[in-house]
mmCIF file of all heavy atoms, coordinates in Angstrom:
data_MODEL
# 
_entry.id   MODEL 
# 
loop_
_atom_site.group_PDB 
_atom_site.id 
_atom_site.type_symbol 
_atom_site.label_atom_id 
_atom_site.label_alt_id 
_atom_site.label_comp_id 
_atom_site.label_asym_id 
_atom_site.label_entity_id 
_atom_site.label_seq_id 
_atom_site.pdbx_PDB_ins_code 
_atom_site.Cartn_x 
_atom_site.Cartn_y 
_atom_site.Cartn_z 
_atom_site.occupancy 
_atom_site.B_iso_or_equiv 
_atom_site.pdbx_formal_charge 
_atom_site.auth_seq_id 
_atom_site.auth_comp_id 
_atom_site.auth_asym_id 
_atom_site.auth_atom_id 
_atom_site.pdbx_PDB_model_num 
ATOM 1   N N   . ASN A 1 1  ? -91.267 -84.996 -172.627 1.00 0.00 ? 1  ASN A N   1 
ATOM 2   C CA  . ASN A 1 1  ? -90.986 -83.849 -171.903 1.00 0.00 ? 1  ASN A CA  1 
ATOM 3   C C   . ASN A 1 1  ? -92.168 -83.405 -170.976 1.00 0.00 ? 1  ASN A C   1 
ATOM 4   O O   . ASN A 1 1  ? -91.970 -83.137 -169.785 1.00 0.00 ? 1  ASN A O   1 
ATOM 5   C CB  . ASN A 1 1  ? -90.628 -82.692 -172.868 1.00 0.00 ? 1  ASN A CB  1 
ATOM 6   C CG  . ASN A 1 1  ? -90.520 -81.309 -172.188 1.00 0.00 ? 1  ASN A CG  1 
ATOM 7   O OD1 . ASN A 1 1  ? -90.034 -81.127 -171.146 1.00 0.00 ? 1  ASN A OD1 1 
ATOM 8   N ND2 . ASN A 1 1  ? -91.159 -80.289 -172.807 1.00 0.00 ? 1  ASN A ND2 1 
ATOM 9   N N   . GLN A 1 2  ? -93.382 -83.335 -171.556 1.00 0.00 ? 2  GLN A N   1 
ATOM 10  C CA  . GLN A 1 2  ? -94.522 -82.946 -170.819 1.00 0.00 ? 2  GLN A CA  1 
ATOM 11  C C   . GLN A 1 2  ? -94.835 -83.887 -169.656 1.00 0.00 ? 2  GLN A C   1 
ATOM 12  O O   . GLN A 1 2  ? -95.235 -83.526 -168.608 1.00 0.00 ? 2  GLN A O   1 
ATOM 13  C CB  . GLN A 1 2  ? -95.765 -82.784 -171.730 1.00 0.00 ? 2  GLN A CB  1 
ATOM 14  C CG  . GLN A 1 2  ? -95.687 -81.630 -172.690 1.00 0.00 ? 2  GLN A CG  1 
ATOM 15  C CD  . GLN A 1 2  ? -94.980 -81.946 -173.962 1.00 0.00 ? 2  GLN A CD  1 
ATOM 16  O OE1 . GLN A 1 2  ? -94.362 -82.954 -174.107 1.00 0.00 ? 2  GLN A OE1 1 
ATOM 17  N NE2 . GLN A 1 2  ? -95.148 -81.080 -174.989 1.00 0.00 ? 2  GLN A NE2 1 
ATOM 18  N N   . LEU A 1 3  ? -94.650 -85.185 -169.970 1.00 0.00 ? 3  LEU A N   1 
ATOM 19  C CA  . LEU A 1 3  ? -94.921 -86.165 -168.942 1.00 0.00 ? 3  LEU A CA  1 
ATOM 20  C C   . LEU A 1 3  ? -93.938 -86.038 -167.705 1.00 0.00 ? 3  LEU A C   1 
ATOM 21  O O   . LEU A 1 3  ? -94.354 -86.042 -166.566 1.00 0.00 ? 3  LEU A O   1 
ATOM 22  C CB  . LEU A 1 3  ? -94.849 -87.650 -169.542 1.00 0.00 ? 3  LEU A CB  1 
ATOM 23  C CG  . LEU A 1 3  ? -95.151 -88.786 -168.496 1.00 0.00 ? 3  LEU A CG  1 
ATOM 24  C CD1 . LEU A 1 3  ? -96.488 -88.664 -167.894 1.00 0.00 ? 3  LEU A CD1 1 
ATOM 25  C CD2 . LEU A 1 3  ? -95.005 -90.092 -169.206 1.00 0.00 ? 3  LEU A CD2 1 
ATOM 26  N N   . ALA A 1 4  ? -92.689 -85.936 -168.070 1.00 0.00 ? 4  ALA A N   1 
ATOM 27  C CA  . ALA A 1 4  ? -91.677 -85.743 -166.993 1.00 0.00 ? 4  ALA A CA  1 
ATOM 28  C C   . ALA A 1 4  ? -91.918 -84.412 -166.205 1.00 0.00 ? 4  ALA A C   1 
ATOM 29  O O   . ALA A 1 4  ? -91.837 -84.417 -164.921 1.00 0.00 ? 4  ALA A O   1 
ATOM 30  C CB  . ALA A 1 4  ? -90.264 -85.677 -167.632 1.00 0.00 ? 4  ALA A CB  1 
ATOM 31  N N   . LYS A 1 5  ? -92.276 -83.350 -166.861 1.00 0.00 ? 5  LYS A N   1 
ATOM 32  C CA  . LYS A 1 5  ? -92.526 -82.086 -166.264 1.00 0.00 ? 5  LYS A CA  1 
ATOM 33  C C   . LYS A 1 5  ? -93.754 -82.188 -165.333 1.00 0.00 ? 5  LYS A C   1 
ATOM 34  O O   . LYS A 1 5  ? -93.760 -81.637 -164.208 1.00 0.00 ? 5  LYS A O   1 
ATOM 35  C CB  . LYS A 1 5  ? -92.750 -80.925 -167.243 1.00 0.00 ? 5  LYS A CB  1 
ATOM 36  C CG  . LYS A 1 5  ? -91.500 -80.434 -167.901 1.00 0.00 ? 5  LYS A CG  1 
ATOM 37  C CD  . LYS A 1 5  ? -91.774 -79.297 -168.839 1.00 0.00 ? 5  LYS A CD  1 
ATOM 38  C CE  . LYS A 1 5  ? -92.148 -78.086 -168.077 1.00 0.00 ? 5  LYS A CE  1 
ATOM 39  N NZ  . LYS A 1 5  ? -92.305 -76.818 -168.960 1.00 0.00 ? 5  LYS A NZ  1 
ATOM 40  N N   . ARG A 1 6  ? -94.777 -82.902 -165.752 1.00 0.00 ? 6  ARG A N   1 
ATOM 41  C CA  . ARG A 1 6  ? -95.973 -83.048 -164.961 1.00 0.00 ? 6  ARG A CA  1 
ATOM 42  C C   . ARG A 1 6  ? -95.714 -83.693 -163.572 1.00 0.00 ? 6  ARG A C   1 
ATOM 43  O O   . ARG A 1 6  ? -96.353 -83.391 -162.633 1.00 0.00 ? 6  ARG A O   1 
ATOM 44  C CB  . ARG A 1 6  ? -96.978 -83.941 -165.740 1.00 0.00 ? 6  ARG A CB  1 
ATOM 45  C CG  . ARG A 1 6  ? -98.396 -83.927 -165.115 1.00 0.00 ? 6  ARG A CG  1 
ATOM 46  C CD  . ARG A 1 6  ? -99.269 -84.845 -165.944 1.00 0.00 ? 6  ARG A CD  1 
ATOM 47  N NE  . ARG A 1 6  ? -99.224 -84.518 -167.378 1.00 0.00 ? 6  ARG A NE  1 
ATOM 48  C CZ  . ARG A 1 6  ? -99.376 -85.409 -168.371 1.00 0.00 ? 6  ARG A CZ  1 
ATOM 49  N NH1 . ARG A 1 6  ? -99.588 -86.635 -167.998 1.00 0.00 ? 6  ARG A NH1 1 
ATOM 50  N NH2 . ARG A 1 6  ? -99.260 -85.061 -169.597 1.00 0.00 ? 6  ARG A NH2 1 
ATOM 51  N N   . TYR A 1 7  ? -94.670 -84.541 -163.529 1.00 0.00 ? 7  TYR A N   1 
ATOM 52  C CA  . TYR A 1 7  ? -94.335 -85.148 -162.318 1.00 0.00 ? 7  TYR A CA  1 
ATOM 53  C C   . TYR A 1 7  ? -93.132 -84.538 -161.612 1.00 0.00 ? 7  TYR A C   1 
ATOM 54  O O   . TYR A 1 7  ? -92.524 -85.093 -160.720 1.00 0.00 ? 7  TYR A O   1 
ATOM 55  C CB  . TYR A 1 7  ? -94.020 -86.671 -162.533 1.00 0.00 ? 7  TYR A CB  1 
ATOM 56  C CG  . TYR A 1 7  ? -95.304 -87.448 -162.783 1.00 0.00 ? 7  TYR A CG  1 
ATOM 57  C CD1 . TYR A 1 7  ? -95.899 -87.516 -164.054 1.00 0.00 ? 7  TYR A CD1 1 
ATOM 58  C CD2 . TYR A 1 7  ? -95.980 -88.116 -161.716 1.00 0.00 ? 7  TYR A CD2 1 
ATOM 59  C CE1 . TYR A 1 7  ? -97.047 -88.188 -164.244 1.00 0.00 ? 7  TYR A CE1 1 
ATOM 60  C CE2 . TYR A 1 7  ? -97.095 -88.763 -161.905 1.00 0.00 ? 7  TYR A CE2 1 
ATOM 61  C CZ  . TYR A 1 7  ? -97.702 -88.791 -163.123 1.00 0.00 ? 7  TYR A CZ  1 
ATOM 62  O OH  . TYR A 1 7  ? -98.885 -89.533 -163.310 1.00 0.00 ? 7  TYR A OH  1 
ATOM 63  N N   . GLY A 1 8  ? -92.807 -83.279 -162.040 1.00 0.00 ? 8  GLY A N   1 
ATOM 64  C CA  . GLY A 1 8  ? -91.872 -82.478 -161.237 1.00 0.00 ? 8  GLY A CA  1 
ATOM 65  C C   . GLY A 1 8  ? -90.425 -82.474 -161.720 1.00 0.00 ? 8  GLY A C   1 
ATOM 66  O O   . GLY A 1 8  ? -89.531 -81.948 -161.044 1.00 0.00 ? 8  GLY A O   1 
ATOM 67  N N   . ALA A 1 9  ? -90.121 -83.075 -162.833 1.00 0.00 ? 9  ALA A N   1 
ATOM 68  C CA  . ALA A 1 9  ? -88.724 -83.180 -163.271 1.00 0.00 ? 9  ALA A CA  1 
ATOM 69  C C   . ALA A 1 9  ? -88.217 -81.883 -163.871 1.00 0.00 ? 9  ALA A C   1 
ATOM 70  O O   . ALA A 1 9  ? -89.004 -81.111 -164.524 1.00 0.00 ? 9  ALA A O   1 
ATOM 71  C CB  . ALA A 1 9  ? -88.598 -84.257 -164.308 1.00 0.00 ? 9  ALA A CB  1 
ATOM 72  N N   . ARG A 1 10 ? -86.963 -81.617 -163.742 1.00 0.00 ? 10 ARG A N   1 
ATOM 73  C CA  . ARG A 1 10 ? -86.249 -80.576 -164.485 1.00 0.00 ? 10 ARG A CA  1 
ATOM 74  C C   . ARG A 1 10 ? -86.109 -81.102 -165.915 1.00 0.00 ? 10 ARG A C   1 
ATOM 75  O O   . ARG A 1 10 ? -85.612 -82.202 -166.056 1.00 0.00 ? 10 ARG A O   1 
ATOM 76  C CB  . ARG A 1 10 ? -84.951 -80.265 -163.885 1.00 0.00 ? 10 ARG A CB  1 
ATOM 77  C CG  . ARG A 1 10 ? -84.045 -79.350 -164.648 1.00 0.00 ? 10 ARG A CG  1 
ATOM 78  C CD  . ARG A 1 10 ? -82.649 -79.312 -164.133 1.00 0.00 ? 10 ARG A CD  1 
ATOM 79  N NE  . ARG A 1 10 ? -81.716 -78.527 -165.015 1.00 0.00 ? 10 ARG A NE  1 
ATOM 80  C CZ  . ARG A 1 10 ? -80.427 -78.603 -164.854 1.00 0.00 ? 10 ARG A CZ  1 
ATOM 81  N NH1 . ARG A 1 10 ? -79.775 -79.302 -163.914 1.00 0.00 ? 10 ARG A NH1 1 
ATOM 82  N NH2 . ARG A 1 10 ? -79.657 -77.867 -165.709 1.00 0.00 ? 10 ARG A NH2 1 
ATOM 83  N N   . THR A 1 11 ? -86.416 -80.352 -166.969 1.00 0.00 ? 11 THR A N   1 
ATOM 84  C CA  . THR A 1 11 ? -86.325 -80.800 -168.279 1.00 0.00 ? 11 THR A CA  1 
ATOM 85  C C   . THR A 1 11 ? -85.445 -79.922 -169.127 1.00 0.00 ? 11 THR A C   1 
ATOM 86  O O   . THR A 1 11 ? -85.479 -78.706 -169.060 1.00 0.00 ? 11 THR A O   1 
ATOM 87  C CB  . THR A 1 11 ? -87.765 -80.900 -168.993 1.00 0.00 ? 11 THR A CB  1 
ATOM 88  O OG1 . THR A 1 11 ? -88.268 -79.540 -168.982 1.00 0.00 ? 11 THR A OG1 1 
ATOM 89  C CG2 . THR A 1 11 ? -88.710 -81.836 -168.175 1.00 0.00 ? 11 THR A CG2 1 
ATOM 90  N N   . VAL A 1 12 ? -84.562 -80.550 -169.952 1.00 0.00 ? 12 VAL A N   1 
ATOM 91  C CA  . VAL A 1 12 ? -83.508 -79.833 -170.672 1.00 0.00 ? 12 VAL A CA  1 
ATOM 92  C C   . VAL A 1 12 ? -83.507 -80.335 -172.079 1.00 0.00 ? 12 VAL A C   1 
ATOM 93  O O   . VAL A 1 12 ? -83.543 -81.540 -172.392 1.00 0.00 ? 12 VAL A O   1 
ATOM 94  C CB  . VAL A 1 12 ? -82.140 -80.047 -170.028 1.00 0.00 ? 12 VAL A CB  1 
ATOM 95  C CG1 . VAL A 1 12 ? -81.077 -79.301 -170.832 1.00 0.00 ? 12 VAL A CG1 1 
ATOM 96  C CG2 . VAL A 1 12 ? -82.131 -79.580 -168.596 1.00 0.00 ? 12 VAL A CG2 1 
ATOM 97  N N   . GLU A 1 13 ? -83.388 -79.361 -173.105 1.00 0.00 ? 13 GLU A N   1 
ATOM 98  C CA  . GLU A 1 13 ? -83.354 -79.747 -174.501 1.00 0.00 ? 13 GLU A CA  1 
ATOM 99  C C   . GLU A 1 13 ? -81.911 -79.382 -174.939 1.00 0.00 ? 13 GLU A C   1 
ATOM 100 O O   . GLU A 1 13 ? -81.430 -78.293 -174.753 1.00 0.00 ? 13 GLU A O   1 
ATOM 101 C CB  . GLU A 1 13 ? -84.359 -79.000 -175.310 1.00 0.00 ? 13 GLU A CB  1 
ATOM 102 C CG  . GLU A 1 13 ? -84.246 -79.227 -176.799 1.00 0.00 ? 13 GLU A CG  1 
ATOM 103 C CD  . GLU A 1 13 ? -85.162 -78.381 -177.590 1.00 0.00 ? 13 GLU A CD  1 
ATOM 104 O OE1 . GLU A 1 13 ? -85.341 -77.195 -177.283 1.00 0.00 ? 13 GLU A OE1 1 
ATOM 105 O OE2 . GLU A 1 13 ? -85.750 -78.893 -178.598 1.00 0.00 ? 13 GLU A OE2 1 
ATOM 106 N N   . LEU A 1 14 ? -81.324 -80.335 -175.611 1.00 0.00 ? 14 LEU A N   1 
ATOM 107 C CA  . LEU A 1 14 ? -79.973 -80.089 -176.308 1.00 0.00 ? 14 LEU A CA  1 
ATOM 108 C C   . LEU A 1 14 ? -80.208 -80.416 -177.772 1.00 0.00 ? 14 LEU A C   1 
ATOM 109 O O   . LEU A 1 14 ? -80.486 -81.532 -178.195 1.00 0.00 ? 14 LEU A O   1 
ATOM 110 C CB  . LEU A 1 14 ? -78.901 -81.027 -175.724 1.00 0.00 ? 14 LEU A CB  1 
ATOM 111 C CG  . LEU A 1 14 ? -78.335 -80.678 -174.320 1.00 0.00 ? 14 LEU A CG  1 
ATOM 112 C CD1 . LEU A 1 14 ? -79.406 -81.076 -173.223 1.00 0.00 ? 14 LEU A CD1 1 
ATOM 113 C CD2 . LEU A 1 14 ? -77.011 -81.452 -174.086 1.00 0.00 ? 14 LEU A CD2 1 
ATOM 114 N N   . ASN A 1 15 ? -80.018 -79.348 -178.578 1.00 0.00 ? 15 ASN A N   1 
ATOM 115 C CA  . ASN A 1 15 ? -80.274 -79.532 -179.999 1.00 0.00 ? 15 ASN A CA  1 
ATOM 116 C C   . ASN A 1 15 ? -79.534 -78.458 -180.740 1.00 0.00 ? 15 ASN A C   1 
ATOM 117 O O   . ASN A 1 15 ? -78.984 -77.538 -180.243 1.00 0.00 ? 15 ASN A O   1 
ATOM 118 C CB  . ASN A 1 15 ? -81.810 -79.401 -180.293 1.00 0.00 ? 15 ASN A CB  1 
ATOM 119 C CG  . ASN A 1 15 ? -82.287 -80.359 -181.323 1.00 0.00 ? 15 ASN A CG  1 
ATOM 120 O OD1 . ASN A 1 15 ? -81.573 -80.703 -182.249 1.00 0.00 ? 15 ASN A OD1 1 
ATOM 121 N ND2 . ASN A 1 15 ? -83.494 -80.830 -181.128 1.00 0.00 ? 15 ASN A ND2 1 
ATOM 122 N N   . LEU A 1 16 ? -79.473 -78.656 -182.120 1.00 0.00 ? 16 LEU A N   1 
ATOM 123 C CA  . LEU A 1 16 ? -78.839 -77.655 -182.969 1.00 0.00 ? 16 LEU A CA  1 
ATOM 124 C C   . LEU A 1 16 ? -79.602 -76.348 -182.929 1.00 0.00 ? 16 LEU A C   1 
ATOM 125 O O   . LEU A 1 16 ? -79.034 -75.226 -183.008 1.00 0.00 ? 16 LEU A O   1 
ATOM 126 C CB  . LEU A 1 16 ? -78.655 -78.181 -184.383 1.00 0.00 ? 16 LEU A CB  1 
ATOM 127 C CG  . LEU A 1 16 ? -77.573 -79.207 -184.658 1.00 0.00 ? 16 LEU A CG  1 
ATOM 128 C CD1 . LEU A 1 16 ? -77.660 -79.645 -186.042 1.00 0.00 ? 16 LEU A CD1 1 
ATOM 129 C CD2 . LEU A 1 16 ? -76.208 -78.575 -184.350 1.00 0.00 ? 16 LEU A CD2 1 
ATOM 130 N N   . GLU A 1 17 ? -80.968 -76.467 -182.927 1.00 0.00 ? 17 GLU A N   1 
ATOM 131 C CA  . GLU A 1 17 ? -81.830 -75.266 -182.882 1.00 0.00 ? 17 GLU A CA  1 
ATOM 132 C C   . GLU A 1 17 ? -83.023 -75.594 -182.139 1.00 0.00 ? 17 GLU A C   1 
ATOM 133 O O   . GLU A 1 17 ? -83.362 -76.714 -181.866 1.00 0.00 ? 17 GLU A O   1 
ATOM 134 C CB  . GLU A 1 17 ? -82.115 -74.865 -184.337 1.00 0.00 ? 17 GLU A CB  1 
ATOM 135 C CG  . GLU A 1 17 ? -82.739 -75.945 -185.163 1.00 0.00 ? 17 GLU A CG  1 
ATOM 136 C CD  . GLU A 1 17 ? -82.845 -75.671 -186.581 1.00 0.00 ? 17 GLU A CD  1 
ATOM 137 O OE1 . GLU A 1 17 ? -82.135 -74.772 -187.123 1.00 0.00 ? 17 GLU A OE1 1 
ATOM 138 O OE2 . GLU A 1 17 ? -83.668 -76.316 -187.276 1.00 0.00 ? 17 GLU A OE2 1 
ATOM 139 N N   . SER A 1 18 ? -83.845 -74.564 -181.870 1.00 0.00 ? 18 SER A N   1 
ATOM 140 C CA  . SER A 1 18 ? -85.055 -74.708 -181.100 1.00 0.00 ? 18 SER A CA  1 
ATOM 141 C C   . SER A 1 18 ? -86.043 -75.600 -181.851 1.00 0.00 ? 18 SER A C   1 
ATOM 142 O O   . SER A 1 18 ? -86.218 -75.490 -183.107 1.00 0.00 ? 18 SER A O   1 
ATOM 143 C CB  . SER A 1 18 ? -85.667 -73.352 -180.813 1.00 0.00 ? 18 SER A CB  1 
ATOM 144 O OG  . SER A 1 18 ? -86.912 -73.528 -180.173 1.00 0.00 ? 18 SER A OG  1 
ATOM 145 N N   . THR A 1 19 ? -86.759 -76.464 -181.075 1.00 0.00 ? 19 THR A N   1 
ATOM 146 C CA  . THR A 1 19 ? -87.809 -77.231 -181.669 1.00 0.00 ? 19 THR A CA  1 
ATOM 147 C C   . THR A 1 19 ? -89.189 -76.641 -181.291 1.00 0.00 ? 19 THR A C   1 
ATOM 148 O O   . THR A 1 19 ? -90.187 -77.166 -181.645 1.00 0.00 ? 19 THR A O   1 
ATOM 149 C CB  . THR A 1 19 ? -87.779 -78.714 -181.159 1.00 0.00 ? 19 THR A CB  1 
ATOM 150 O OG1 . THR A 1 19 ? -87.935 -78.695 -179.735 1.00 0.00 ? 19 THR A OG1 1 
ATOM 151 C CG2 . THR A 1 19 ? -86.438 -79.336 -181.571 1.00 0.00 ? 19 THR A CG2 1 
ATOM 152 N N   . GLY A 1 20 ? -89.160 -75.614 -180.490 1.00 0.00 ? 20 GLY A N   1 
ATOM 153 C CA  . GLY A 1 20 ? -90.414 -75.014 -180.036 1.00 0.00 ? 20 GLY A CA  1 
ATOM 154 C C   . GLY A 1 20 ? -91.039 -75.745 -178.871 1.00 0.00 ? 20 GLY A C   1 
ATOM 155 O O   . GLY A 1 20 ? -92.159 -75.428 -178.481 1.00 0.00 ? 20 GLY A O   1 
ATOM 156 N N   . SER A 1 21 ? -90.379 -76.751 -178.353 1.00 0.00 ? 21 SER A N   1 
ATOM 157 C CA  . SER A 1 21 ? -90.911 -77.459 -177.223 1.00 0.00 ? 21 SER A CA  1 
ATOM 158 C C   . SER A 1 21 ? -90.693 -76.755 -175.869 1.00 0.00 ? 21 SER A C   1 
ATOM 159 O O   . SER A 1 21 ? -89.863 -75.928 -175.718 1.00 0.00 ? 21 SER A O   1 
ATOM 160 C CB  . SER A 1 21 ? -90.194 -78.863 -177.153 1.00 0.00 ? 21 SER A CB  1 
ATOM 161 O OG  . SER A 1 21 ? -90.355 -79.559 -178.352 1.00 0.00 ? 21 SER A OG  1 
ATOM 162 N N   . SER A 1 22 ? -91.603 -77.132 -174.910 1.00 0.00 ? 22 SER A N   1 
ATOM 163 C CA  . SER A 1 22 ? -91.628 -76.366 -173.663 1.00 0.00 ? 22 SER A CA  1 
ATOM 164 C C   . SER A 1 22 ? -90.779 -76.951 -172.588 1.00 0.00 ? 22 SER A C   1 
ATOM 165 O O   . SER A 1 22 ? -91.197 -77.360 -171.535 1.00 0.00 ? 22 SER A O   1 
ATOM 166 C CB  . SER A 1 22 ? -93.120 -76.317 -173.137 1.00 0.00 ? 22 SER A CB  1 
ATOM 167 O OG  . SER A 1 22 ? -93.578 -77.644 -172.954 1.00 0.00 ? 22 SER A OG  1 
ATOM 168 N N   . PHE A 1 23 ? -89.501 -77.073 -172.871 1.00 0.00 ? 23 PHE A N   1 
ATOM 169 C CA  . PHE A 1 23 ? -88.494 -77.500 -171.844 1.00 0.00 ? 23 PHE A CA  1 
ATOM 170 C C   . PHE A 1 23 ? -88.196 -76.377 -170.921 1.00 0.00 ? 23 PHE A C   1 
ATOM 171 O O   . PHE A 1 23 ? -88.361 -75.221 -171.271 1.00 0.00 ? 23 PHE A O   1 
ATOM 172 C CB  . PHE A 1 23 ? -87.231 -77.962 -172.565 1.00 0.00 ? 23 PHE A CB  1 
ATOM 173 C CG  . PHE A 1 23 ? -87.304 -79.308 -173.318 1.00 0.00 ? 23 PHE A CG  1 
ATOM 174 C CD1 . PHE A 1 23 ? -87.822 -79.373 -174.578 1.00 0.00 ? 23 PHE A CD1 1 
ATOM 175 C CD2 . PHE A 1 23 ? -86.872 -80.436 -172.716 1.00 0.00 ? 23 PHE A CD2 1 
ATOM 176 C CE1 . PHE A 1 23 ? -87.930 -80.583 -175.248 1.00 0.00 ? 23 PHE A CE1 1 
ATOM 177 C CE2 . PHE A 1 23 ? -86.943 -81.687 -173.364 1.00 0.00 ? 23 PHE A CE2 1 
ATOM 178 C CZ  . PHE A 1 23 ? -87.480 -81.690 -174.654 1.00 0.00 ? 23 PHE A CZ  1 
ATOM 179 N N   . ASP A 1 24 ? -87.713 -76.745 -169.765 1.00 0.00 ? 24 ASP A N   1 
ATOM 180 C CA  . ASP A 1 24 ? -87.316 -75.711 -168.832 1.00 0.00 ? 24 ASP A CA  1 
ATOM 181 C C   . ASP A 1 24 ? -86.057 -74.983 -169.264 1.00 0.00 ? 24 ASP A C   1 
ATOM 182 O O   . ASP A 1 24 ? -85.902 -73.789 -169.035 1.00 0.00 ? 24 ASP A O   1 
ATOM 183 C CB  . ASP A 1 24 ? -87.016 -76.357 -167.398 1.00 0.00 ? 24 ASP A CB  1 
ATOM 184 C CG  . ASP A 1 24 ? -88.253 -76.952 -166.834 1.00 0.00 ? 24 ASP A CG  1 
ATOM 185 O OD1 . ASP A 1 24 ? -89.377 -76.361 -166.988 1.00 0.00 ? 24 ASP A OD1 1 
ATOM 186 O OD2 . ASP A 1 24 ? -88.133 -78.008 -166.166 1.00 0.00 ? 24 ASP A OD2 1 
ATOM 187 N N   . GLU A 1 25 ? -85.152 -75.731 -169.948 1.00 0.00 ? 25 GLU A N   1 
ATOM 188 C CA  . GLU A 1 25 ? -83.927 -75.119 -170.417 1.00 0.00 ? 25 GLU A CA  1 
ATOM 189 C C   . GLU A 1 25 ? -83.624 -75.620 -171.829 1.00 0.00 ? 25 GLU A C   1 
ATOM 190 O O   . GLU A 1 25 ? -84.030 -76.720 -172.208 1.00 0.00 ? 25 GLU A O   1 
ATOM 191 C CB  . GLU A 1 25 ? -82.735 -75.543 -169.510 1.00 0.00 ? 25 GLU A CB  1 
ATOM 192 C CG  . GLU A 1 25 ? -82.898 -75.150 -168.065 1.00 0.00 ? 25 GLU A CG  1 
ATOM 193 C CD  . GLU A 1 25 ? -81.805 -75.695 -167.194 1.00 0.00 ? 25 GLU A CD  1 
ATOM 194 O OE1 . GLU A 1 25 ? -80.663 -75.925 -167.706 1.00 0.00 ? 25 GLU A OE1 1 
ATOM 195 O OE2 . GLU A 1 25 ? -82.055 -75.953 -166.029 1.00 0.00 ? 25 GLU A OE2 1 
ATOM 196 N N   . HIS A 1 26 ? -82.917 -74.738 -172.592 1.00 0.00 ? 26 HIS A N   1 
ATOM 197 C CA  . HIS A 1 26 ? -82.551 -75.075 -173.943 1.00 0.00 ? 26 HIS A CA  1 
ATOM 198 C C   . HIS A 1 26 ? -81.007 -74.789 -174.143 1.00 0.00 ? 26 HIS A C   1 
ATOM 199 O O   . HIS A 1 26 ? -80.535 -73.714 -173.727 1.00 0.00 ? 26 HIS A O   1 
ATOM 200 C CB  . HIS A 1 26 ? -83.320 -74.248 -174.974 1.00 0.00 ? 26 HIS A CB  1 
ATOM 201 C CG  . HIS A 1 26 ? -84.837 -74.398 -174.763 1.00 0.00 ? 26 HIS A CG  1 
ATOM 202 N ND1 . HIS A 1 26 ? -85.623 -75.280 -175.450 1.00 0.00 ? 26 HIS A ND1 1 
ATOM 203 C CD2 . HIS A 1 26 ? -85.666 -73.702 -173.936 1.00 0.00 ? 26 HIS A CD2 1 
ATOM 204 C CE1 . HIS A 1 26 ? -86.864 -75.135 -175.021 1.00 0.00 ? 26 HIS A CE1 1 
ATOM 205 N NE2 . HIS A 1 26 ? -86.919 -74.183 -174.129 1.00 0.00 ? 26 HIS A NE2 1 
ATOM 206 N N   . HIS A 1 27 ? -80.291 -75.772 -174.650 1.00 0.00 ? 27 HIS A N   1 
ATOM 207 C CA  . HIS A 1 27 ? -78.905 -75.566 -175.011 1.00 0.00 ? 27 HIS A CA  1 
ATOM 208 C C   . HIS A 1 27 ? -78.685 -75.942 -176.443 1.00 0.00 ? 27 HIS A C   1 
ATOM 209 O O   . HIS A 1 27 ? -78.936 -77.067 -176.846 1.00 0.00 ? 27 HIS A O   1 
ATOM 210 C CB  . HIS A 1 27 ? -78.070 -76.420 -174.083 1.00 0.00 ? 27 HIS A CB  1 
ATOM 211 C CG  . HIS A 1 27 ? -78.177 -76.147 -172.591 1.00 0.00 ? 27 HIS A CG  1 
ATOM 212 N ND1 . HIS A 1 27 ? -77.610 -75.085 -172.003 1.00 0.00 ? 27 HIS A ND1 1 
ATOM 213 C CD2 . HIS A 1 27 ? -79.026 -76.715 -171.739 1.00 0.00 ? 27 HIS A CD2 1 
ATOM 214 C CE1 . HIS A 1 27 ? -77.970 -75.096 -170.738 1.00 0.00 ? 27 HIS A CE1 1 
ATOM 215 N NE2 . HIS A 1 27 ? -78.842 -76.110 -170.501 1.00 0.00 ? 27 HIS A NE2 1 
# 
């Protein structure tokens, strides 16, 4: 996630619950 964000990507997490990661969006 951090690597993709560093190069300008939109980042999205899909999970049952939060992992505490720094994605742009969480579903």
